[in-house]
Amino acid sequence: MPNIEYTSAEGHEGDATCVAYFGNQLFSGGADGKIRIWSDTLQLLSTVNAHDAYIYCMAVNEHGKLYSSSCDGHVKYMLPPYEDASVQELFRCDDAIQAMYCNGTVLYTGDDKGVVTTWSNDRMLFKYNLVEEVKSLAGEEKLIYTVRDLDVVISVLAEGKSGRYTNKAVLPGKSPLKLLGPMVNGKRSYLAFLDRTGMGLQLVNNLPEHKFSHIWQLPQCHDWIVNSICGDEQHLYSGGYDNKVKGWTDLSASQPRALGEVEVGSCVNGICCGANNAVYIASSDGFIRCAKFV
């Protein structure tokens, strides 16, 4: 049976808004502007005064560089040993950076004006004006995946030094979205996202030969809107306003097998996968939890 294995002894002041995992450590961001670093078992290792405002999201690259954005338009980063002195500013703007994603060493940032910017070694590569507000995004090879409230848009980036792109596919759906499943020739096998109600899940094939064909749809699998999804090679998890996190496996089947659910006790703002099938949860009571489904 799924259960909450660990709960942090202390929480953020206000909401815990997002979580990210790297190198056997968990990072949590909060409405208090702080980033807290935890062990696998949610022992607090350190607290970093990263921002002066509410943290929207975080992303970590393959070298452990942690990026974070806040509602005052700042995007910052830090490397180990993850302390106040290691926090540096990547850029600041007048727009809300509500979505970030790392693929290898490349960082993708998406704002409320619909602009996705790619970065390498903390230098801007290109800007892509995708028109619609970016609430969730991912990037892989020459593709950018973005979504707001009605459609998932998959864009192909033009070759050469330009910000040009073409739309490859448009799928009805709502944020958030997530690439997951086994890696095949450098691409994740699946793309998961919500249906337009925000309460049902969808899974499509992400490999080129399948042309984003649907594998399954699970309408109304939550009673309230889902805020966050995460997954690994075999599992998909979702959590939201109904205070629950739910899990599924056998993702390639015509219908996935439910792993059950855990009751968090407050609104689920963010979830991420850790080592050994752990699922970490950031919620509106400010605390961090670790759940196990398998």
Protein backbone atom coordinates (compact mmCIF):
# COMPACT_ATOMS: atom_id res chain seq x y z
CA MET A 1 0.00 0.00 0.00
CA PRO A 2 1.25 3.51 -0.76
CA ASN A 3 2.24 5.51 2.30
CA ILE A 4 3.97 8.68 3.46
CA GLU A 5 7.36 7.47 4.72
CA TYR A 6 8.83 10.79 5.90
CA THR A 7 7.61 14.30 6.69
CA SER A 8 9.96 17.21 7.26
CA ALA A 9 10.24 18.38 10.86
CA GLU A 10 9.91 21.98 9.75
CA GLY A 11 8.49 23.71 6.73
CA HIS A 12 8.71 26.82 4.63
CA GLU A 13 7.00 30.00 5.83
CA GLY A 14 3.90 29.81 3.67
CA ASP A 15 3.57 27.39 0.77
CA ALA A 16 6.23 24.96 -0.32
CA THR A 17 5.90 25.63 -4.04
CA CYS A 18 8.24 23.25 -5.88
CA VAL A 19 10.74 20.42 -5.48
CA ALA A 20 13.70 19.09 -7.47
CA TYR A 21 16.01 16.12 -6.87
CA PHE A 22 19.68 15.57 -7.72
CA GLY A 23 22.56 13.57 -6.29
CA ASN A 24 20.69 12.06 -3.33
CA GLN A 25 19.54 15.49 -2.21
CA LEU A 26 16.15 17.14 -2.43
CA PHE A 27 15.66 20.86 -3.05
CA SER A 28 12.46 22.64 -2.06
CA GLY A 29 11.44 26.18 -2.95
CA GLY A 30 8.89 28.21 -1.06
CA ALA A 31 6.76 31.32 -0.89
CA ASP A 32 9.35 32.61 1.60
CA GLY A 33 11.98 32.85 -1.17
CA LYS A 34 14.13 30.20 0.49
CA ILE A 35 15.53 27.03 -1.00
CA ARG A 36 15.97 24.23 1.49
CA ILE A 37 18.22 21.23 0.93
CA TRP A 38 17.21 17.89 2.43
CA SER A 39 18.58 14.38 2.69
CA ASP A 40 16.70 11.43 1.17
CA THR A 41 14.93 11.00 4.52
CA LEU A 42 14.04 14.71 4.78
CA GLN A 43 16.64 15.70 7.32
CA LEU A 44 17.28 19.41 6.77
CA LEU A 45 20.85 19.95 5.55
CA SER A 46 20.81 23.69 4.88
CA THR A 47 18.65 26.69 4.04
CA VAL A 48 19.62 29.16 1.32
CA ASN A 49 18.23 32.69 1.13
CA ALA A 50 17.94 32.53 -2.64
CA HIS A 51 15.20 35.04 -3.46
CA ASP A 52 13.37 38.00 -1.96
CA ALA A 53 10.04 36.80 -3.36
CA TYR A 54 7.83 33.75 -3.97
CA ILE A 55 9.68 31.00 -5.87
CA TYR A 56 7.82 29.80 -8.95
CA CYS A 57 9.91 26.86 -10.10
CA MET A 58 13.30 25.14 -10.11
CA ALA A 59 15.30 23.01 -12.53
CA VAL A 60 18.62 21.22 -12.09
CA ASN A 61 21.06 20.29 -14.86
CA GLU A 62 23.23 17.20 -15.23
CA HIS A 63 26.06 18.80 -13.23
CA GLY A 64 23.89 19.70 -10.27
CA LYS A 65 23.54 23.40 -11.09
CA LEU A 66 20.22 24.46 -9.60
CA TYR A 67 18.20 27.19 -11.32
CA SER A 68 15.27 28.95 -9.63
CA SER A 69 12.83 31.71 -10.63
CA SER A 70 10.74 34.02 -8.47
CA CYS A 71 7.73 36.26 -8.96
CA ASP A 72 9.87 39.42 -8.98
CA GLY A 73 11.40 38.42 -12.33
CA HIS A 74 14.70 37.04 -11.06
CA VAL A 75 16.25 33.81 -12.29
CA LYS A 76 19.20 32.66 -10.20
CA TYR A 77 21.46 29.62 -9.97
CA MET A 78 23.87 27.95 -7.60
CA LEU A 79 26.31 25.07 -7.49
CA PRO A 80 27.50 22.96 -4.55
CA PRO A 81 28.02 23.56 -1.70
CA TYR A 82 24.60 25.28 -2.12
CA GLU A 83 24.89 28.18 0.30
CA ASP A 84 24.00 31.86 0.35
CA ALA A 85 27.39 32.87 -1.05
CA SER A 86 27.01 30.56 -4.08
CA VAL A 87 23.75 32.15 -5.34
CA GLN A 88 24.25 34.08 -8.58
CA GLU A 89 21.86 35.93 -10.85
CA LEU A 90 21.33 34.60 -14.38
CA PHE A 91 18.99 37.42 -15.43
CA ARG A 92 16.10 39.57 -14.30
CA CYS A 93 13.11 40.69 -16.32
CA ASP A 94 9.63 42.19 -16.06
CA ASP A 95 7.97 38.92 -17.06
CA ALA A 96 6.96 35.95 -14.94
CA ILE A 97 9.21 32.91 -15.53
CA GLN A 98 6.78 30.19 -14.45
CA ALA A 99 8.42 27.23 -16.20
CA MET A 100 11.99 25.97 -16.54
CA TYR A 101 13.51 22.73 -17.79
CA CYS A 102 17.03 21.32 -18.09
CA ASN A 103 18.13 18.84 -20.72
CA GLY A 104 21.76 17.98 -20.14
CA THR A 105 23.46 21.37 -19.75
CA VAL A 106 20.84 23.33 -21.73
CA LEU A 107 18.33 25.39 -19.76
CA TYR A 108 14.91 26.34 -21.14
CA THR A 109 12.94 29.20 -19.56
CA GLY A 110 9.35 30.09 -20.45
CA ASP A 111 7.51 33.29 -19.55
CA ASP A 112 3.99 34.66 -19.36
CA LYS A 113 4.39 36.42 -22.73
CA GLY A 114 4.97 33.13 -24.54
CA VAL A 115 8.74 33.48 -25.01
CA VAL A 116 10.95 30.43 -24.55
CA THR A 117 14.66 31.17 -24.16
CA THR A 118 17.44 28.60 -24.40
CA TRP A 119 20.67 28.94 -22.42
CA SER A 120 24.02 27.14 -22.51
CA ASN A 121 26.77 27.72 -19.96
CA ASP A 122 24.57 30.51 -18.60
CA ARG A 123 24.69 32.40 -21.89
CA MET A 124 21.55 33.01 -23.91
CA LEU A 125 21.35 31.05 -27.15
CA PHE A 126 17.98 31.90 -28.75
CA LYS A 127 14.56 33.32 -28.00
CA TYR A 128 11.46 31.70 -29.48
CA ASN A 129 8.22 33.67 -29.42
CA LEU A 130 5.59 30.97 -29.07
CA VAL A 131 2.84 33.59 -28.46
CA GLU A 132 0.91 31.81 -25.69
CA GLU A 133 1.85 32.00 -22.00
CA VAL A 134 4.14 29.14 -21.00
CA LYS A 135 2.98 27.40 -17.83
CA SER A 136 4.93 24.18 -18.35
CA LEU A 137 7.63 23.15 -20.79
CA ALA A 138 10.24 20.59 -21.76
CA GLY A 139 12.97 20.39 -24.36
CA GLU A 140 14.61 17.50 -26.16
CA GLU A 141 16.98 17.58 -29.13
CA LYS A 142 15.37 20.03 -31.60
CA LEU A 143 11.92 19.99 -29.99
CA ILE A 144 10.29 22.32 -27.47
CA TYR A 145 7.10 21.21 -25.69
CA THR A 146 4.93 23.97 -24.21
CA VAL A 147 1.44 24.18 -22.73
CA ARG A 148 -0.92 26.64 -21.08
CA ASP A 149 -4.61 25.76 -20.63
CA LEU A 150 -5.93 24.47 -23.96
CA ASP A 151 -3.21 22.90 -26.11
CA VAL A 152 0.16 21.20 -25.90
CA VAL A 153 2.30 22.65 -28.69
CA ILE A 154 5.34 20.76 -29.95
CA SER A 155 7.69 23.00 -31.93
CA VAL A 156 10.68 22.09 -34.12
CA LEU A 157 13.59 24.51 -33.87
CA ALA A 158 15.10 25.68 -37.16
CA GLU A 159 18.73 24.87 -37.90
CA GLY A 160 21.34 27.59 -37.65
CA LYS A 161 21.58 30.76 -35.63
CA SER A 162 18.01 31.94 -35.48
CA GLY A 163 14.93 32.00 -33.29
CA ARG A 164 12.76 30.41 -35.97
CA TYR A 165 10.60 27.36 -35.41
CA THR A 166 7.72 25.42 -36.95
CA ASN A 167 4.84 23.66 -35.21
CA LYS A 168 5.13 19.89 -35.40
CA ALA A 169 1.99 18.96 -33.45
CA VAL A 170 -0.82 20.51 -31.42
CA LEU A 171 -2.60 18.28 -28.90
CA PRO A 172 -5.62 19.28 -26.78
CA GLY A 173 -4.42 19.51 -23.18
CA LYS A 174 -3.57 21.60 -20.15
CA SER A 175 -0.47 22.17 -18.01
CA PRO A 176 1.56 20.61 -16.56
CA LEU A 177 3.39 18.30 -18.97
CA LYS A 178 6.21 15.80 -18.44
CA LEU A 179 8.59 13.73 -20.58
CA LEU A 180 9.09 10.27 -19.07
CA GLY A 181 9.60 6.60 -19.80
CA PRO A 182 12.62 4.69 -21.14
CA MET A 183 15.22 6.55 -23.21
CA VAL A 184 15.34 5.42 -26.86
CA ASN A 185 17.97 7.02 -29.09
CA GLY A 186 18.17 10.04 -26.82
CA LYS A 187 14.42 10.59 -26.53
CA ARG A 188 11.98 9.82 -23.78
CA SER A 189 9.31 7.32 -24.83
CA TYR A 190 6.27 9.17 -23.48
CA LEU A 191 4.78 12.61 -23.02
CA ALA A 192 2.22 13.01 -20.22
CA PHE A 193 -0.09 15.98 -19.69
CA LEU A 194 -3.57 16.85 -18.44
CA ASP A 195 -6.78 16.98 -20.43
CA ARG A 196 -8.51 20.33 -20.74
CA THR A 197 -10.51 19.83 -17.55
CA GLY A 198 -7.25 19.73 -15.57
CA MET A 199 -8.45 16.63 -13.73
CA GLY A 200 -7.70 13.86 -16.23
CA LEU A 201 -4.38 12.47 -17.49
CA GLN A 202 -3.21 11.66 -21.01
CA LEU A 203 -0.18 9.77 -22.28
CA VAL A 204 1.12 9.93 -25.85
CA ASN A 205 4.00 8.30 -27.69
CA ASN A 206 6.99 10.63 -27.93
CA LEU A 207 9.13 8.54 -30.31
CA PRO A 208 9.25 9.89 -33.89
CA GLU A 209 7.78 6.81 -35.57
CA HIS A 210 4.60 7.06 -33.47
CA LYS A 211 3.84 10.72 -34.32
CA PHE A 212 2.49 11.57 -30.85
CA SER A 213 -0.30 8.99 -31.03
CA HIS A 214 -2.37 8.54 -27.85
CA ILE A 215 -1.63 5.52 -25.67
CA TRP A 216 -4.38 6.16 -23.12
CA GLN A 217 -6.57 8.76 -21.45
CA LEU A 218 -7.78 8.75 -17.85
CA PRO A 219 -10.62 11.27 -17.51
CA GLN A 220 -11.51 12.61 -14.06
CA CYS A 221 -8.79 10.67 -12.23
CA HIS A 222 -8.66 13.51 -9.66
CA ASP A 223 -11.58 15.32 -8.04
CA TRP A 224 -9.89 18.72 -8.35
CA ILE A 225 -7.36 20.32 -10.69
CA VAL A 226 -3.91 18.70 -10.86
CA ASN A 227 -0.97 21.04 -10.20
CA SER A 228 2.00 18.75 -10.78
CA ILE A 229 3.02 15.49 -12.42
CA CYS A 230 6.28 13.56 -12.38
CA GLY A 231 7.49 10.22 -13.64
CA ASP A 232 10.40 7.89 -14.28
CA GLU A 233 10.96 5.00 -16.68
CA GLN A 234 8.08 2.93 -15.30
CA HIS A 235 5.79 5.17 -13.24
CA LEU A 236 3.66 8.31 -13.47
CA TYR A 237 2.47 10.35 -10.47
CA SER A 238 0.06 13.29 -10.15
CA GLY A 239 -1.08 15.59 -7.35
CA GLY A 240 -3.19 18.68 -6.89
CA TYR A 241 -5.97 20.55 -5.13
CA ASP A 242 -7.67 17.39 -3.85
CA ASN A 243 -4.74 16.94 -1.41
CA LYS A 244 -3.82 13.60 -2.97
CA VAL A 245 -0.92 12.13 -4.92
CA LYS A 246 -1.78 9.17 -7.15
CA GLY A 247 0.44 6.74 -9.03
CA TRP A 248 0.26 4.52 -12.12
CA THR A 249 2.44 1.92 -13.82
CA ASP A 250 2.26 -0.37 -16.91
CA LEU A 251 2.27 2.84 -18.91
CA SER A 252 2.52 1.20 -22.33
CA ALA A 253 -0.73 -0.74 -21.83
CA SER A 254 -4.05 0.45 -23.24
CA GLN A 255 -4.92 1.48 -19.68
CA PRO A 256 -2.31 1.92 -16.91
CA ARG A 257 -2.46 0.03 -13.64
CA ALA A 258 -3.26 2.18 -10.61
CA LEU A 259 -0.77 2.03 -7.73
CA GLY A 260 -3.08 3.76 -5.27
CA GLU A 261 -2.92 7.16 -3.59
CA VAL A 262 -1.64 8.97 -0.53
CA GLU A 263 -3.52 11.66 1.39
CA VAL A 264 -1.29 14.67 1.97
CA GLY A 265 -3.64 16.77 4.09
CA SER A 266 -3.06 20.01 2.16
CA CYS A 267 -2.95 21.19 -1.45
CA VAL A 268 -0.19 19.56 -3.50
CA ASN A 269 1.83 22.27 -5.27
CA GLY A 270 4.71 20.23 -6.67
CA ILE A 271 6.04 16.69 -6.86
CA CYS A 272 9.23 15.07 -8.16
CA CYS A 273 10.74 11.60 -8.35
CA GLY A 274 13.78 10.66 -6.28
CA ALA A 275 15.94 7.58 -5.87
CA ASN A 276 14.55 4.16 -4.92
CA ASN A 277 11.01 4.96 -6.13
CA ALA A 278 10.58 7.88 -3.73
CA VAL A 279 8.11 10.64 -4.61
CA TYR A 280 8.70 14.00 -2.92
CA ILE A 281 5.78 16.36 -2.30
CA ALA A 282 5.65 20.13 -1.72
CA SER A 283 2.34 21.32 -0.28
CA SER A 284 0.51 24.42 0.84
CA ASP A 285 1.19 23.80 4.55
CA GLY A 286 4.89 24.43 3.84
CA PHE A 287 6.04 20.90 4.68
CA ILE A 288 7.83 18.38 2.48
CA ARG A 289 6.83 14.73 2.37
CA CYS A 290 8.27 11.55 0.91
CA ALA A 291 5.86 8.90 -0.36
CA LYS A 292 6.43 5.37 -1.62
CA PHE A 293 4.03 3.62 -4.00
CA VAL A 294 6.12 0.55 -4.87
